[in-house]
Amino acid sequence: MEEPIKENPQVVTVNQEKCRKSIPLALVLLDNVPTLIMFILGALIISMLTPVYGTFYVIYSAFSIIWFWAKICPYCSHHDTMSCPCGYGVISAKLFKRKTGKDFKKVFKTNIIVLFPCWLIPVAAGTYLLIDNFTFSLLLYVILFCVTGFLIIPLISKMVGCKNCEIKEDCP
């Protein structure tokens, strides 16, 4: 029989003590609105193949965020605090219990892959559609998607969300 993983409550307590600062709603929105825009643009691009694929993309995007809340957030020190830069810590805590016993960096790196299709599939679909049946509106959607997903979202994370985070040295 496998022995249960022994948690180190001191690590969780120390990290939670660091997470006392409450993030303003405006910053939480700044972190989430571009992601929502990216998902909408991705759905528009993929829907140009067929509306059914666009619908599947929306469902998968929602699933990937819920997966993040379930599999990553419960190991984060921001879980169940108002200090999570994207607001997920509060939402996750309402749905999923805190988990301990695993290294947050390892859990993050193992599970973040579920979000990759949200970025890659619209680019692949957009590239295919631009080659197959070029339109300026499609080109605009693909450019806006790429600027939002590969420039704006990472910049906001780096310059706003992660910049003043109390536990950034513990985060991947």
Protein backbone atom coordinates (compact mmCIF):
# COMPACT_ATOMS: atom_id res chain seq x y z
CA MET A 1 0.00 0.00 0.00
CA GLU A 2 1.33 3.40 -0.95
CA GLU A 3 2.18 5.72 1.91
CA PRO A 4 0.41 9.10 1.74
CA ILE A 5 2.51 12.13 0.90
CA LYS A 6 3.33 14.07 4.03
CA GLU A 7 2.62 17.72 3.64
CA ASN A 8 4.75 20.47 5.02
CA PRO A 9 2.22 22.86 6.60
CA GLN A 10 4.96 25.38 7.37
CA VAL A 11 5.60 25.98 3.66
CA VAL A 12 1.91 26.59 2.93
CA THR A 13 1.52 28.83 6.00
CA VAL A 14 4.61 30.89 5.21
CA ASN A 15 3.56 31.36 1.59
CA GLN A 16 -0.01 32.22 2.56
CA GLU A 17 1.34 34.77 5.02
CA LYS A 18 3.07 36.42 2.05
CA CYS A 19 -0.27 36.56 0.22
CA ARG A 20 -2.00 39.19 2.32
CA LYS A 21 -2.26 41.93 -0.30
CA SER A 22 -5.65 42.18 -1.99
CA ILE A 23 -5.53 42.65 -5.76
CA PRO A 24 -7.86 45.40 -7.07
CA LEU A 25 -10.68 44.27 -9.35
CA ALA A 26 -9.33 46.48 -12.14
CA LEU A 27 -6.09 44.47 -12.21
CA VAL A 28 -7.99 41.18 -12.14
CA LEU A 29 -10.03 42.38 -15.13
CA LEU A 30 -6.86 43.55 -16.87
CA ASP A 31 -5.54 40.03 -16.49
CA ASN A 32 -8.72 38.31 -17.71
CA VAL A 33 -10.28 40.52 -20.39
CA PRO A 34 -7.47 39.92 -22.93
CA THR A 35 -7.82 36.17 -22.39
CA LEU A 36 -11.55 36.43 -23.03
CA ILE A 37 -10.86 38.48 -26.17
CA MET A 38 -8.35 35.87 -27.31
CA PHE A 39 -10.91 33.09 -26.81
CA ILE A 40 -13.55 35.05 -28.76
CA LEU A 41 -11.12 35.74 -31.61
CA GLY A 42 -10.06 32.09 -31.61
CA ALA A 43 -13.69 30.99 -31.83
CA LEU A 44 -14.32 33.42 -34.71
CA ILE A 45 -11.30 32.12 -36.62
CA ILE A 46 -12.11 28.47 -36.06
CA SER A 47 -15.79 29.06 -36.86
CA MET A 48 -14.70 30.06 -40.36
CA LEU A 49 -13.81 26.40 -40.87
CA THR A 50 -17.18 25.34 -39.50
CA PRO A 51 -19.33 26.68 -36.65
CA VAL A 52 -19.22 23.28 -34.95
CA TYR A 53 -15.42 23.53 -34.55
CA GLY A 54 -15.82 27.05 -33.18
CA THR A 55 -18.29 25.74 -30.61
CA PHE A 56 -15.88 22.94 -29.64
CA TYR A 57 -13.13 25.55 -29.21
CA VAL A 58 -15.30 27.59 -26.83
CA ILE A 59 -16.15 24.46 -24.84
CA TYR A 60 -12.49 23.40 -24.73
CA SER A 61 -11.38 26.90 -23.67
CA ALA A 62 -13.85 26.86 -20.77
CA PHE A 63 -12.75 23.32 -19.88
CA SER A 64 -9.08 24.37 -19.85
CA ILE A 65 -9.76 27.22 -17.41
CA ILE A 66 -11.74 24.90 -15.13
CA TRP A 67 -8.89 22.36 -15.39
CA PHE A 68 -6.50 25.13 -14.32
CA TRP A 69 -8.70 25.92 -11.30
CA ALA A 70 -8.92 22.21 -10.38
CA LYS A 71 -5.40 20.96 -11.04
CA ILE A 72 -3.12 23.98 -10.56
CA CYS A 73 -4.76 26.59 -8.34
CA PRO A 74 -5.29 24.32 -5.28
CA TYR A 75 -1.50 23.97 -4.94
CA CYS A 76 -0.84 27.72 -5.20
CA SER A 77 -0.31 29.91 -2.15
CA HIS A 78 -2.86 32.34 -3.61
CA HIS A 79 -5.60 29.69 -3.34
CA ASP A 80 -8.47 31.08 -1.28
CA THR A 81 -6.90 34.53 -1.03
CA MET A 82 -7.68 37.87 -2.65
CA SER A 83 -4.05 38.17 -3.74
CA CYS A 84 -4.28 36.05 -6.88
CA PRO A 85 -3.42 38.37 -9.81
CA CYS A 86 -5.96 36.70 -12.09
CA GLY A 87 -8.65 36.15 -9.46
CA TYR A 88 -8.55 32.40 -9.91
CA GLY A 89 -7.55 31.77 -6.28
CA VAL A 90 -10.97 32.84 -5.00
CA ILE A 91 -12.95 31.05 -7.74
CA SER A 92 -10.93 27.86 -7.42
CA ALA A 93 -11.40 27.80 -3.64
CA LYS A 94 -15.19 27.87 -4.06
CA LEU A 95 -15.02 24.77 -6.27
CA PHE A 96 -11.91 22.85 -5.19
CA LYS A 97 -10.22 22.21 -1.85
CA ARG A 98 -6.63 23.24 -1.20
CA LYS A 99 -4.14 20.48 -1.95
CA THR A 100 -0.70 20.03 -0.48
CA GLY A 101 2.14 17.59 -0.75
CA LYS A 102 3.31 18.50 -4.26
CA ASP A 103 5.58 21.22 -5.50
CA PHE A 104 3.54 24.01 -7.13
CA LYS A 105 6.11 24.51 -9.91
CA LYS A 106 5.94 20.84 -10.86
CA VAL A 107 2.12 20.78 -10.76
CA PHE A 108 2.00 23.94 -12.88
CA LYS A 109 4.44 22.64 -15.49
CA THR A 110 2.66 19.29 -15.70
CA ASN A 111 -0.83 20.74 -16.16
CA ILE A 112 -0.30 23.98 -18.08
CA ILE A 113 -0.12 22.02 -21.33
CA VAL A 114 -3.93 21.78 -21.29
CA LEU A 115 -4.02 25.49 -22.23
CA PHE A 116 -1.68 25.20 -25.24
CA PRO A 117 -4.43 24.23 -27.73
CA CYS A 118 -6.23 27.48 -26.87
CA TRP A 119 -3.28 29.34 -28.38
CA LEU A 120 -2.17 26.92 -31.09
CA ILE A 121 -5.39 25.71 -32.74
CA PRO A 122 -6.63 29.18 -33.80
CA VAL A 123 -3.20 29.99 -35.27
CA ALA A 124 -3.15 26.70 -37.18
CA ALA A 125 -6.75 27.15 -38.37
CA GLY A 126 -6.09 30.77 -39.31
CA THR A 127 -2.95 29.87 -41.26
CA TYR A 128 -4.80 27.14 -43.14
CA LEU A 129 -7.71 29.46 -43.93
CA LEU A 130 -5.42 32.30 -45.04
CA ILE A 131 -3.69 29.95 -47.49
CA ASP A 132 -6.93 28.32 -48.64
CA ASN A 133 -9.24 31.34 -48.86
CA PHE A 134 -7.59 34.65 -47.96
CA THR A 135 -9.78 37.48 -46.68
CA PHE A 136 -8.75 40.71 -45.00
CA SER A 137 -11.19 40.16 -42.15
CA LEU A 138 -9.62 36.77 -41.43
CA LEU A 139 -6.15 38.31 -41.60
CA LEU A 140 -7.27 40.96 -39.10
CA TYR A 141 -8.68 38.31 -36.74
CA VAL A 142 -5.46 36.28 -36.90
CA ILE A 143 -3.29 39.36 -36.31
CA LEU A 144 -5.45 40.49 -33.37
CA PHE A 145 -5.42 36.96 -31.95
CA CYS A 146 -1.62 36.75 -32.17
CA VAL A 147 -1.08 40.24 -30.73
CA THR A 148 -3.46 39.49 -27.86
CA GLY A 149 -2.28 35.94 -27.14
CA PHE A 150 1.44 36.24 -27.74
CA LEU A 151 2.14 39.87 -26.84
CA ILE A 152 -0.53 41.51 -24.66
CA ILE A 153 -1.29 38.58 -22.32
CA PRO A 154 2.39 37.78 -21.59
CA LEU A 155 3.20 41.48 -21.10
CA ILE A 156 0.32 41.94 -18.66
CA SER A 157 1.41 38.83 -16.76
CA LYS A 158 5.01 39.97 -16.57
CA MET A 159 4.49 43.69 -15.97
CA VAL A 160 1.35 43.62 -13.79
CA GLY A 161 0.41 40.18 -12.44
CA CYS A 162 3.86 38.81 -11.69
CA LYS A 163 5.71 42.08 -11.09
CA ASN A 164 4.50 42.71 -7.55
CA CYS A 165 3.57 39.15 -6.60
CA GLU A 166 4.82 38.15 -3.18
CA ILE A 167 5.53 34.57 -4.27
CA LYS A 168 6.94 35.16 -7.76
CA GLU A 169 10.18 33.40 -6.83
CA ASP A 170 8.16 30.24 -6.10
CA CYS A 171 6.19 30.42 -9.35
CA PRO A 172 7.18 28.91 -12.69
